Amino acid sequence: MDYGKFKYQQKKREHEQRKKSHATQLKEVRIRPKIDKHDLDFKLNRAREFLEAGHKVQFNMLFRGREMAHQDLGRAVMAKVVEALEEVSKVERPARMEGRRMTLLLTHR
């Protein structure tokens, strides 16, 4: 066997293995507690595309100022997200507060 051909095939195999290991990525979608219905629908459609491609999707909701006093609005928006994407995803980590940020992690079903 030709050594050059062997090196080429070995490099090709390593490239395929690296590509398979990076197949699932974490995609981030940022939303706000007072997001409009159309804006939320647009972001949900984008997240649905990510999930169908096999990626994980993390929803980040940032609270500013007085919005911290109304975390129930944020939880309601996160509940809408879970409900809208339940046919293509499952909740890996439920919505929880981390400082001024609420995060939710979804994976492909």
PDB file of N, CA and C in Angstrom:
ATOM      1  N   MET A   1       0.839  -1.189   0.000  1.00  0.00           N
ATOM      2  CA  MET A   1       0.000   0.000   0.000  1.00  0.00           C
ATOM      3  C   MET A   1       0.880   1.248   0.000  1.00  0.00           C
ATOM      4  N   ASP A   2       0.455   2.227  -0.717  1.00  0.00           N
ATOM      5  CA  ASP A   2       1.170   3.495  -0.817  1.00  0.00           C
ATOM      6  C   ASP A   2       1.021   4.262   0.490  1.00  0.00           C
ATOM      7  N   TYR A   3       2.137   4.754   1.025  1.00  0.00           N
ATOM      8  CA  TYR A   3       2.112   5.472   2.300  1.00  0.00           C
ATOM      9  C   TYR A   3       1.307   6.770   2.199  1.00  0.00           C
ATOM     10  N   GLY A   4       1.400   7.453   1.098  1.00  0.00           N
ATOM     11  CA  GLY A   4       0.633   8.690   0.900  1.00  0.00           C
ATOM     12  C   GLY A   4      -0.860   8.423   0.922  1.00  0.00           C
ATOM     13  N   LYS A   5      -1.273   7.325   0.297  1.00  0.00           N
ATOM     14  CA  LYS A   5      -2.681   6.946   0.287  1.00  0.00           C
ATOM     15  C   LYS A   5      -3.150   6.593   1.695  1.00  0.00           C
ATOM     16  N   PHE A   6      -2.299   5.905   2.457  1.00  0.00           N
ATOM     17  CA  PHE A   6      -2.622   5.553   3.837  1.00  0.00           C
ATOM     18  C   PHE A   6      -2.817   6.806   4.687  1.00  0.00           C
ATOM     19  N   LYS A   7      -1.912   7.770   4.572  1.00  0.00           N
ATOM     20  CA  LYS A   7      -2.012   9.025   5.335  1.00  0.00           C
ATOM     21  C   LYS A   7      -3.288   9.777   4.958  1.00  0.00           C
ATOM     22  N   TYR A   8      -3.623   9.795   3.672  1.00  0.00           N
ATOM     23  CA  TYR A   8      -4.825  10.475   3.203  1.00  0.00           C
ATOM     24  C   TYR A   8      -6.075   9.849   3.823  1.00  0.00           C
ATOM     25  N   GLN A   9      -6.169   8.525   3.810  1.00  0.00           N
ATOM     26  CA  GLN A   9      -7.334   7.838   4.365  1.00  0.00           C
ATOM     27  C   GLN A   9      -7.429   8.024   5.875  1.00  0.00           C
ATOM     28  N   GLN A  10      -6.285   8.025   6.539  1.00  0.00           N
ATOM     29  CA  GLN A  10      -6.268   8.229   7.988  1.00  0.00           C
ATOM     30  C   GLN A  10      -6.761   9.640   8.342  1.00  0.00           C
ATOM     31  N   LYS A  11      -6.302  10.621   7.595  1.00  0.00           N
ATOM     32  CA  LYS A  11      -6.722  12.005   7.818  1.00  0.00           C
ATOM     33  C   LYS A  11      -8.219  12.155   7.563  1.00  0.00           C
ATOM     34  N   LYS A  12      -8.726  11.477   6.540  1.00  0.00           N
ATOM     35  CA  LYS A  12     -10.140  11.521   6.205  1.00  0.00           C
ATOM     36  C   LYS A  12     -10.984  10.906   7.326  1.00  0.00           C
ATOM     37  N   ARG A  13     -10.528   9.772   7.891  1.00  0.00           N
ATOM     38  CA  ARG A  13     -11.226   9.124   8.997  1.00  0.00           C
ATOM     39  C   ARG A  13     -11.270  10.031  10.230  1.00  0.00           C
ATOM     40  N   GLU A  14     -10.168  10.668  10.555  1.00  0.00           N
ATOM     41  CA  GLU A  14     -10.110  11.578  11.704  1.00  0.00           C
ATOM     42  C   GLU A  14     -11.057  12.760  11.508  1.00  0.00           C
ATOM     43  N   HIS A  15     -11.125  13.265  10.296  1.00  0.00           N
ATOM     44  CA  HIS A  15     -12.022  14.383   9.999  1.00  0.00           C
ATOM     45  C   HIS A  15     -13.481  13.977  10.208  1.00  0.00           C
ATOM     46  N   GLU A  16     -13.850  12.785   9.768  1.00  0.00           N
ATOM     47  CA  GLU A  16     -15.221  12.293   9.943  1.00  0.00           C
ATOM     48  C   GLU A  16     -15.554  12.118  11.415  1.00  0.00           C
ATOM     49  N   GLN A  17     -14.615  11.608  12.205  1.00  0.00           N
ATOM     50  CA  GLN A  17     -14.841  11.418  13.635  1.00  0.00           C
ATOM     51  C   GLN A  17     -15.045  12.764  14.335  1.00  0.00           C
ATOM     52  N   ARG A  18     -14.251  13.758  13.968  1.00  0.00           N
ATOM     53  CA  ARG A  18     -14.387  15.093  14.555  1.00  0.00           C
ATOM     54  C   ARG A  18     -15.732  15.703  14.186  1.00  0.00           C
ATOM     55  N   LYS A  19     -16.157  15.481  12.948  1.00  0.00           N
ATOM     56  CA  LYS A  19     -17.427  16.026  12.489  1.00  0.00           C
ATOM     57  C   LYS A  19     -18.591  15.387  13.250  1.00  0.00           C
ATOM     58  N   LYS A  20     -18.514  14.095  13.514  1.00  0.00           N
ATOM     59  CA  LYS A  20     -19.571  13.407  14.251  1.00  0.00           C
ATOM     60  C   LYS A  20     -19.601  13.845  15.708  1.00  0.00           C
ATOM     61  N   SER A  21     -18.464  14.103  16.309  1.00  0.00           N
ATOM     62  CA  SER A  21     -18.439  14.498  17.717  1.00  0.00           C
ATOM     63  C   SER A  21     -18.986  15.907  17.916  1.00  0.00           C
ATOM     64  N   HIS A  22     -18.957  16.746  16.887  1.00  0.00           N
ATOM     65  CA  HIS A  22     -19.477  18.109  16.980  1.00  0.00           C
ATOM     66  C   HIS A  22     -20.877  18.227  16.382  1.00  0.00           C
ATOM     67  N   ALA A  23     -21.530  17.089  16.198  1.00  0.00           N
ATOM     68  CA  ALA A  23     -22.836  17.101  15.537  1.00  0.00           C
ATOM     69  C   ALA A  23     -23.874  17.867  16.349  1.00  0.00           C
ATOM     70  N   THR A  24     -23.873  17.704  17.667  1.00  0.00           N
ATOM     71  CA  THR A  24     -24.851  18.433  18.474  1.00  0.00           C
ATOM     72  C   THR A  24     -24.175  19.632  19.109  1.00  0.00           C
ATOM     73  N   GLN A  25     -24.749  20.762  18.880  1.00  0.00           N
ATOM     74  CA  GLN A  25     -24.234  21.992  19.456  1.00  0.00           C
ATOM     75  C   GLN A  25     -25.303  22.597  20.338  1.00  0.00           C
ATOM     76  N   LEU A  26     -24.878  23.513  21.190  1.00  0.00           N
ATOM     77  CA  LEU A  26     -25.819  24.229  22.034  1.00  0.00           C
ATOM     78  C   LEU A  26     -26.129  25.555  21.353  1.00  0.00           C
ATOM     79  N   LYS A  27     -27.392  25.737  20.981  1.00  0.00           N
ATOM     80  CA  LYS A  27     -27.834  26.977  20.349  1.00  0.00           C
ATOM     81  C   LYS A  27     -28.546  27.808  21.409  1.00  0.00           C
ATOM     82  N   GLU A  28     -28.378  29.116  21.340  1.00  0.00           N
ATOM     83  CA  GLU A  28     -28.965  30.006  22.330  1.00  0.00           C
ATOM     84  C   GLU A  28     -30.015  30.906  21.690  1.00  0.00           C
ATOM     85  N   VAL A  29     -31.151  31.034  22.353  1.00  0.00           N
ATOM     86  CA  VAL A  29     -32.206  31.937  21.912  1.00  0.00           C
ATOM     87  C   VAL A  29     -32.479  32.882  23.069  1.00  0.00           C
ATOM     88  N   ARG A  30     -32.357  34.185  22.820  1.00  0.00           N
ATOM     89  CA  ARG A  30     -32.571  35.177  23.870  1.00  0.00           C
ATOM     90  C   ARG A  30     -33.962  35.774  23.739  1.00  0.00           C
ATOM     91  N   ILE A  31     -34.664  35.801  24.854  1.00  0.00           N
ATOM     92  CA  ILE A  31     -35.999  36.386  24.872  1.00  0.00           C
ATOM     93  C   ILE A  31     -36.126  37.300  26.079  1.00  0.00           C
ATOM     94  N   ARG A  32     -37.204  38.084  26.106  1.00  0.00           N
ATOM     95  CA  ARG A  32     -37.462  39.013  27.205  1.00  0.00           C
ATOM     96  C   ARG A  32     -38.809  38.670  27.830  1.00  0.00           C
ATOM     97  N   PRO A  33     -39.047  39.090  29.069  1.00  0.00           N
ATOM     98  CA  PRO A  33     -40.332  38.778  29.705  1.00  0.00           C
ATOM     99  C   PRO A  33     -41.516  39.445  29.017  1.00  0.00           C
ATOM    100  N   LYS A  34     -41.311  40.614  28.413  1.00  0.00           N
ATOM    101  CA  LYS A  34     -42.414  41.325  27.764  1.00  0.00           C
ATOM    102  C   LYS A  34     -42.351  41.194  26.249  1.00  0.00           C
ATOM    103  N   ILE A  35     -41.968  40.003  25.765  1.00  0.00           N
ATOM    104  CA  ILE A  35     -41.822  39.787  24.329  1.00  0.00           C
ATOM    105  C   ILE A  35     -43.211  39.744  23.670  1.00  0.00           C
ATOM    106  N   ASP A  36     -43.297  40.309  22.472  1.00  0.00           N
ATOM    107  CA  ASP A  36     -44.546  40.331  21.716  1.00  0.00           C
ATOM    108  C   ASP A  36     -44.830  38.943  21.147  1.00  0.00           C
ATOM    109  N   LYS A  37     -46.087  38.648  20.869  1.00  0.00           N
ATOM    110  CA  LYS A  37     -46.487  37.327  20.376  1.00  0.00           C
ATOM    111  C   LYS A  37     -45.792  36.980  19.066  1.00  0.00           C
ATOM    112  N   HIS A  38     -45.751  37.923  18.118  1.00  0.00           N
ATOM    113  CA  HIS A  38     -45.120  37.651  16.822  1.00  0.00           C
ATOM    114  C   HIS A  38     -43.624  37.404  16.978  1.00  0.00           C
ATOM    115  N   ASP A  39     -42.977  38.190  17.822  1.00  0.00           N
ATOM    116  CA  ASP A  39     -41.542  38.007  18.049  1.00  0.00           C
ATOM    117  C   ASP A  39     -41.269  36.632  18.667  1.00  0.00           C
ATOM    118  N   LEU A  40     -42.115  36.234  19.607  1.00  0.00           N
ATOM    119  CA  LEU A  40     -41.952  34.930  20.240  1.00  0.00           C
ATOM    120  C   LEU A  40     -42.171  33.813  19.211  1.00  0.00           C
ATOM    121  N   ASP A  41     -43.169  33.944  18.362  1.00  0.00           N
ATOM    122  CA  ASP A  41     -43.416  32.941  17.324  1.00  0.00           C
ATOM    123  C   ASP A  41     -42.217  32.803  16.395  1.00  0.00           C
ATOM    124  N   PHE A  42     -41.624  33.925  16.029  1.00  0.00           N
ATOM    125  CA  PHE A  42     -40.459  33.923  15.148  1.00  0.00           C
ATOM    126  C   PHE A  42     -39.298  33.168  15.806  1.00  0.00           C
ATOM    127  N   LYS A  43     -39.052  33.442  17.082  1.00  0.00           N
ATOM    128  CA  LYS A  43     -37.951  32.776  17.791  1.00  0.00           C
ATOM    129  C   LYS A  43     -38.252  31.293  18.001  1.00  0.00           C
ATOM    130  N   LEU A  44     -39.516  30.965  18.223  1.00  0.00           N
ATOM    131  CA  LEU A  44     -39.892  29.558  18.391  1.00  0.00           C
ATOM    132  C   LEU A  44     -39.690  28.778  17.097  1.00  0.00           C
ATOM    133  N   ASN A  45     -39.999  29.390  15.964  1.00  0.00           N
ATOM    134  CA  ASN A  45     -39.769  28.717  14.680  1.00  0.00           C
ATOM    135  C   ASN A  45     -38.286  28.454  14.457  1.00  0.00           C
ATOM    136  N   ARG A  46     -37.459  29.413  14.831  1.00  0.00           N
ATOM    137  CA  ARG A  46     -36.007  29.252  14.690  1.00  0.00           C
ATOM    138  C   ARG A  46     -35.508  28.138  15.613  1.00  0.00           C
ATOM    139  N   ALA A  47     -36.022  28.122  16.843  1.00  0.00           N
ATOM    140  CA  ALA A  47     -35.631  27.078  17.792  1.00  0.00           C
ATOM    141  C   ALA A  47     -36.080  25.709  17.306  1.00  0.00           C
ATOM    142  N   ARG A  48     -37.253  25.637  16.689  1.00  0.00           N
ATOM    143  CA  ARG A  48     -37.758  24.379  16.148  1.00  0.00           C
ATOM    144  C   ARG A  48     -36.799  23.845  15.067  1.00  0.00           C
ATOM    145  N   GLU A  49     -36.284  24.739  14.230  1.00  0.00           N
ATOM    146  CA  GLU A  49     -35.316  24.332  13.209  1.00  0.00           C
ATOM    147  C   GLU A  49     -34.060  23.752  13.851  1.00  0.00           C
ATOM    148  N   PHE A  50     -33.570  24.412  14.909  1.00  0.00           N
ATOM    149  CA  PHE A  50     -32.379  23.921  15.607  1.00  0.00           C
ATOM    150  C   PHE A  50     -32.635  22.529  16.196  1.00  0.00           C
ATOM    151  N   LEU A  51     -33.794  22.354  16.826  1.00  0.00           N
ATOM    152  CA  LEU A  51     -34.116  21.078  17.461  1.00  0.00           C
ATOM    153  C   LEU A  51     -34.255  19.964  16.431  1.00  0.00           C
ATOM    154  N   GLU A  52     -34.874  20.261  15.306  1.00  0.00           N
ATOM    155  CA  GLU A  52     -35.035  19.255  14.266  1.00  0.00           C
ATOM    156  C   GLU A  52     -33.699  18.873  13.636  1.00  0.00           C
ATOM    157  N   ALA A  53     -32.729  19.785  13.703  1.00  0.00           N
ATOM    158  CA  ALA A  53     -31.387  19.480  13.205  1.00  0.00           C
ATOM    159  C   ALA A  53     -30.584  18.676  14.230  1.00  0.00           C
ATOM    160  N   GLY A  54     -31.166  18.461  15.428  1.00  0.00           N
ATOM    161  CA  GLY A  54     -30.496  17.643  16.435  1.00  0.00           C
ATOM    162  C   GLY A  54     -29.711  18.417  17.464  1.00  0.00           C
ATOM    163  N   HIS A  55     -29.823  19.731  17.480  1.00  0.00           N
ATOM    164  CA  HIS A  55     -29.083  20.553  18.436  1.00  0.00           C
ATOM    165  C   HIS A  55     -29.874  20.732  19.723  1.00  0.00           C
ATOM    166  N   LYS A  56     -29.164  21.125  20.773  1.00  0.00           N
ATOM    167  CA  LYS A  56     -29.819  21.523  22.016  1.00  0.00           C
ATOM    168  C   LYS A  56     -30.080  23.022  21.927  1.00  0.00           C
ATOM    169  N   VAL A  57     -31.163  23.471  22.545  1.00  0.00           N
ATOM    170  CA  VAL A  57     -31.508  24.893  22.510  1.00  0.00           C
ATOM    171  C   VAL A  57     -31.669  25.397  23.937  1.00  0.00           C
ATOM    172  N   GLN A  58     -30.948  26.461  24.243  1.00  0.00           N
ATOM    173  CA  GLN A  58     -31.045  27.092  25.557  1.00  0.00           C
ATOM    174  C   GLN A  58     -31.737  28.436  25.394  1.00  0.00           C
ATOM    175  N   PHE A  59     -32.844  28.612  26.107  1.00  0.00           N
ATOM    176  CA  PHE A  59     -33.555  29.884  26.113  1.00  0.00           C
ATOM    177  C   PHE A  59     -33.051  30.701  27.291  1.00  0.00           C
ATOM    178  N   ASN A  60     -32.587  31.909  27.014  1.00  0.00           N
ATOM    179  CA  ASN A  60     -32.127  32.825  28.048  1.00  0.00           C
ATOM    180  C   ASN A  60     -33.071  34.012  28.097  1.00  0.00           C
ATOM    181  N   MET A  61     -33.578  34.295  29.279  1.00  0.00           N
ATOM    182  CA  MET A  61     -34.452  35.444  29.475  1.00  0.00           C
ATOM    183  C   MET A  61     -33.769  36.374  30.469  1.00  0.00           C
ATOM    184  N   LEU A  62     -33.490  37.588  30.024  1.00  0.00           N
ATOM    185  CA  LEU A  62     -32.812  38.563  30.865  1.00  0.00           C
ATOM    186  C   LEU A  62     -33.834  39.531  31.443  1.00  0.00           C
ATOM    187  N   PHE A  63     -33.764  39.739  32.749  1.00  0.00           N
ATOM    188  CA  PHE A  63     -34.656  40.672  33.442  1.00  0.00           C
ATOM    189  C   PHE A  63     -33.892  41.951  33.718  1.00  0.00           C
ATOM    190  N   ARG A  64     -34.536  43.092  33.427  1.00  0.00           N
ATOM    191  CA  ARG A  64     -33.911  44.387  33.682  1.00  0.00           C
ATOM    192  C   ARG A  64     -34.787  45.188  34.636  1.00  0.00           C
ATOM    193  N   GLY A  65     -34.155  45.862  35.572  1.00  0.00           N
ATOM    194  CA  GLY A  65     -34.853  46.795  36.452  1.00  0.00           C
ATOM    195  C   GLY A  65     -36.021  46.188  37.194  1.00  0.00           C
ATOM    196  N   ARG A  66     -37.193  46.784  37.042  1.00  0.00           N
ATOM    197  CA  ARG A  66     -38.390  46.358  37.760  1.00  0.00           C
ATOM    198  C   ARG A  66     -38.929  45.014  37.294  1.00  0.00           C
ATOM    199  N   GLU A  67     -38.431  44.530  36.184  1.00  0.00           N
ATOM    200  CA  GLU A  67     -38.907  43.242  35.700  1.00  0.00           C
ATOM    201  C   GLU A  67     -38.593  42.121  36.693  1.00  0.00           C
ATOM    202  N   MET A  68     -37.586  42.332  37.546  1.00  0.00           N
ATOM    203  CA  MET A  68     -37.237  41.331  38.551  1.00  0.00           C
ATOM    204  C   MET A  68     -38.392  41.099  39.518  1.00  0.00           C
ATOM    205  N   ALA A  69     -39.231  42.090  39.730  1.00  0.00           N
ATOM    206  CA  ALA A  69     -40.372  41.958  40.635  1.00  0.00           C
ATOM    207  C   ALA A  69     -41.500  41.154  39.991  1.00  0.00           C
ATOM    208  N   HIS A  70     -41.421  40.935  38.678  1.00  0.00           N
ATOM    209  CA  HIS A  70     -42.482  40.225  37.958  1.00  0.00           C
ATOM    210  C   HIS A  70     -41.930  38.983  37.271  1.00  0.00           C
ATOM    211  N   GLN A  71     -41.297  38.130  38.056  1.00  0.00           N
ATOM    212  CA  GLN A  71     -40.730  36.908  37.496  1.00  0.00           C
ATOM    213  C   GLN A  71     -41.818  35.947  37.025  1.00  0.00           C
ATOM    214  N   ASP A  72     -43.039  36.131  37.526  1.00  0.00           N
ATOM    215  CA  ASP A  72     -44.150  35.281  37.094  1.00  0.00           C
ATOM    216  C   ASP A  72     -44.439  35.468  35.606  1.00  0.00           C
ATOM    217  N   LEU A  73     -44.237  36.687  35.076  1.00  0.00           N
ATOM    218  CA  LEU A  73     -44.408  36.917  33.634  1.00  0.00           C
ATOM    219  C   LEU A  73     -43.379  36.116  32.840  1.00  0.00           C
ATOM    220  N   GLY A  74     -42.159  36.087  33.355  1.00  0.00           N
ATOM    221  CA  GLY A  74     -41.103  35.321  32.694  1.00  0.00           C
ATOM    222  C   GLY A  74     -41.397  33.830  32.709  1.00  0.00           C
ATOM    223  N   ARG A  75     -41.882  33.330  33.832  1.00  0.00           N
ATOM    224  CA  ARG A  75     -42.210  31.908  33.925  1.00  0.00           C
ATOM    225  C   ARG A  75     -43.354  31.557  32.974  1.00  0.00           C
ATOM    226  N   ALA A  76     -44.294  32.490  32.802  1.00  0.00           N
ATOM    227  CA  ALA A  76     -45.411  32.251  31.871  1.00  0.00           C
ATOM    228  C   ALA A  76     -44.897  32.151  30.439  1.00  0.00           C
ATOM    229  N   VAL A  77     -43.956  33.021  30.067  1.00  0.00           N
ATOM    230  CA  VAL A  77     -43.385  32.983  28.716  1.00  0.00           C
ATOM    231  C   VAL A  77     -42.621  31.674  28.512  1.00  0.00           C
ATOM    232  N   MET A  78     -41.860  31.252  29.525  1.00  0.00           N
ATOM    233  CA  MET A  78     -41.118  29.991  29.416  1.00  0.00           C
ATOM    234  C   MET A  78     -42.086  28.806  29.294  1.00  0.00           C
ATOM    235  N   ALA A  79     -43.218  28.863  30.000  1.00  0.00           N
ATOM    236  CA  ALA A  79     -44.217  27.796  29.890  1.00  0.00           C
ATOM    237  C   ALA A  79     -44.785  27.747  28.475  1.00  0.00           C
ATOM    238  N   LYS A  80     -44.990  28.922  27.851  1.00  0.00           N
ATOM    239  CA  LYS A  80     -45.463  28.968  26.461  1.00  0.00           C
ATOM    240  C   LYS A  80     -44.435  28.325  25.527  1.00  0.00           C
ATOM    241  N   VAL A  81     -43.166  28.583  25.797  1.00  0.00           N
ATOM    242  CA  VAL A  81     -42.095  28.019  24.973  1.00  0.00           C
ATOM    243  C   VAL A  81     -42.131  26.497  25.046  1.00  0.00           C
ATOM    244  N   VAL A  82     -42.205  25.971  26.267  1.00  0.00           N
ATOM    245  CA  VAL A  82     -42.219  24.514  26.443  1.00  0.00           C
ATOM    246  C   VAL A  82     -43.446  23.912  25.764  1.00  0.00           C
ATOM    247  N   GLU A  83     -44.591  24.554  25.925  1.00  0.00           N
ATOM    248  CA  GLU A  83     -45.831  24.045  25.337  1.00  0.00           C
ATOM    249  C   GLU A  83     -45.774  24.071  23.807  1.00  0.00           C
ATOM    250  N   ALA A  84     -45.203  25.135  23.243  1.00  0.00           N
ATOM    251  CA  ALA A  84     -45.159  25.270  21.787  1.00  0.00           C
ATOM    252  C   ALA A  84     -44.195  24.277  21.144  1.00  0.00           C
ATOM    253  N   LEU A  85     -43.150  23.887  21.874  1.00  0.00           N
ATOM    254  CA  LEU A  85     -42.133  23.005  21.297  1.00  0.00           C
ATOM    255  C   LEU A  85     -42.197  21.585  21.839  1.00  0.00           C
ATOM    256  N   GLU A  86     -43.279  21.218  22.531  1.00  0.00           N
ATOM    257  CA  GLU A  86     -43.318  19.910  23.176  1.00  0.00           C
ATOM    258  C   GLU A  86     -43.338  18.744  22.193  1.00  0.00           C
ATOM    259  N   GLU A  87     -43.800  18.948  20.950  1.00  0.00           N
ATOM    260  CA  GLU A  87     -43.846  17.833  20.005  1.00  0.00           C
ATOM    261  C   GLU A  87     -42.475  17.518  19.406  1.00  0.00           C
ATOM    262  N   VAL A  88     -41.530  18.454  19.453  1.00  0.00           N
ATOM    263  CA  VAL A  88     -40.194  18.196  18.893  1.00  0.00           C
ATOM    264  C   VAL A  88     -39.094  18.189  19.941  1.00  0.00           C
ATOM    265  N   SER A  89     -39.432  18.474  21.202  1.00  0.00           N
ATOM    266  CA  SER A  89     -38.382  18.577  22.208  1.00  0.00           C
ATOM    267  C   SER A  89     -38.844  18.032  23.545  1.00  0.00           C
ATOM    268  N   LYS A  90     -37.861  17.860  24.415  1.00  0.00           N
ATOM    269  CA  LYS A  90     -38.148  17.528  25.810  1.00  0.00           C
ATOM    270  C   LYS A  90     -37.271  18.429  26.680  1.00  0.00           C
ATOM    271  N   VAL A  91     -37.726  18.680  27.881  1.00  0.00           N
ATOM    272  CA  VAL A  91     -37.022  19.589  28.786  1.00  0.00           C
ATOM    273  C   VAL A  91     -35.873  18.837  29.435  1.00  0.00           C
ATOM    274  N   GLU A  92     -34.653  19.332  29.215  1.00  0.00           N
ATOM    275  CA  GLU A  92     -33.494  18.738  29.866  1.00  0.00           C
ATOM    276  C   GLU A  92     -33.253  19.411  31.210  1.00  0.00           C
ATOM    277  N   ARG A  93     -33.422  20.738  31.243  1.00  0.00           N
ATOM    278  CA  ARG A  93     -33.282  21.489  32.495  1.00  0.00           C
ATOM    279  C   ARG A  93     -34.409  22.505  32.542  1.00  0.00           C
ATOM    280  N   PRO A  94     -35.306  22.405  33.517  1.00  0.00           N
ATOM    281  CA  PRO A  94     -36.449  23.331  33.562  1.00  0.00           C
ATOM    282  C   PRO A  94     -36.005  24.771  33.822  1.00  0.00           C
ATOM    283  N   ALA A  95     -36.925  25.706  33.608  1.00  0.00           N
ATOM    284  CA  ALA A  95     -36.619  27.128  33.777  1.00  0.00           C
ATOM    285  C   ALA A  95     -36.256  27.416  35.224  1.00  0.00           C
ATOM    286  N   ARG A  96     -35.122  28.079  35.416  1.00  0.00           N
ATOM    287  CA  ARG A  96     -34.699  28.459  36.761  1.00  0.00           C
ATOM    288  C   ARG A  96     -33.923  29.765  36.700  1.00  0.00           C
ATOM    289  N   MET A  97     -33.986  30.480  37.796  1.00  0.00           N
ATOM    290  CA  MET A  97     -33.321  31.784  37.879  1.00  0.00           C
ATOM    291  C   MET A  97     -31.858  31.612  38.258  1.00  0.00           C
ATOM    292  N   GLU A  98     -31.018  32.394  37.612  1.00  0.00           N
ATOM    293  CA  GLU A  98     -29.592  32.470  37.940  1.00  0.00           C
ATOM    294  C   GLU A  98     -29.236  33.947  37.934  1.00  0.00           C
ATOM    295  N   GLY A  99     -29.412  34.592  39.060  1.00  0.00           N
ATOM    296  CA  GLY A  99     -29.197  36.034  39.131  1.00  0.00           C
ATOM    297  C   GLY A  99     -30.336  36.758  38.445  1.00  0.00           C
ATOM    298  N   ARG A 100     -30.026  37.552  37.415  1.00  0.00           N
ATOM    299  CA  ARG A 100     -31.054  38.270  36.657  1.00  0.00           C
ATOM    300  C   ARG A 100     -31.453  37.520  35.387  1.00  0.00           C
ATOM    301  N   ARG A 101     -31.044  36.285  35.281  1.00  0.00           N
ATOM    302  CA  ARG A 101     -31.276  35.508  34.064  1.00  0.00           C
ATOM    303  C   ARG A 101     -32.056  34.242  34.386  1.00  0.00           C
ATOM    304  N   MET A 102     -33.028  33.933  33.552  1.00  0.00           N
ATOM    305  CA  MET A 102     -33.773  32.684  33.665  1.00  0.00           C
ATOM    306  C   MET A 102     -33.397  31.830  32.465  1.00  0.00           C
ATOM    307  N   THR A 103     -33.008  30.583  32.712  1.00  0.00           N
ATOM    308  CA  THR A 103     -32.580  29.715  31.621  1.00  0.00           C
ATOM    309  C   THR A 103     -33.428  28.459  31.563  1.00  0.00           C
ATOM    310  N   LEU A 104     -33.598  27.961  30.351  1.00  0.00           N
ATOM    311  CA  LEU A 104     -34.350  26.744  30.071  1.00  0.00           C
ATOM    312  C   LEU A 104     -33.592  25.994  28.989  1.00  0.00           C
ATOM    313  N   LEU A 105     -33.371  24.700  29.179  1.00  0.00           N
ATOM    314  CA  LEU A 105     -32.616  23.908  28.202  1.00  0.00           C
ATOM    315  C   LEU A 105     -33.520  22.817  27.628  1.00  0.00           C
ATOM    316  N   LEU A 106     -33.628  22.786  26.302  1.00  0.00           N
ATOM    317  CA  LEU A 106     -34.430  21.784  25.595  1.00  0.00           C
ATOM    318  C   LEU A 106     -33.535  20.945  24.712  1.00  0.00           C
ATOM    319  N   THR A 107     -33.896  19.655  24.567  1.00  0.00           N
ATOM    320  CA  THR A 107     -33.161  18.775  23.672  1.00  0.00           C
ATOM    321  C   THR A 107     -34.130  18.153  22.676  1.00  0.00           C
ATOM    322  N   HIS A 108     -33.574  17.624  21.617  1.00  0.00           N
ATOM    323  CA  HIS A 108     -34.384  16.970  20.589  1.00  0.00           C
ATOM    324  C   HIS A 108     -34.987  15.691  21.146  1.00  0.00           C
ATOM    325  N   ARG A 109     -36.215  15.430  20.822  1.00  0.00           N
ATOM    326  CA  ARG A 109     -36.939  14.249  21.315  1.00  0.00           C
ATOM    327  C   ARG A 109     -36.419  12.992  20.684  1.00  0.00           C
TER     328      ARG A 109
END
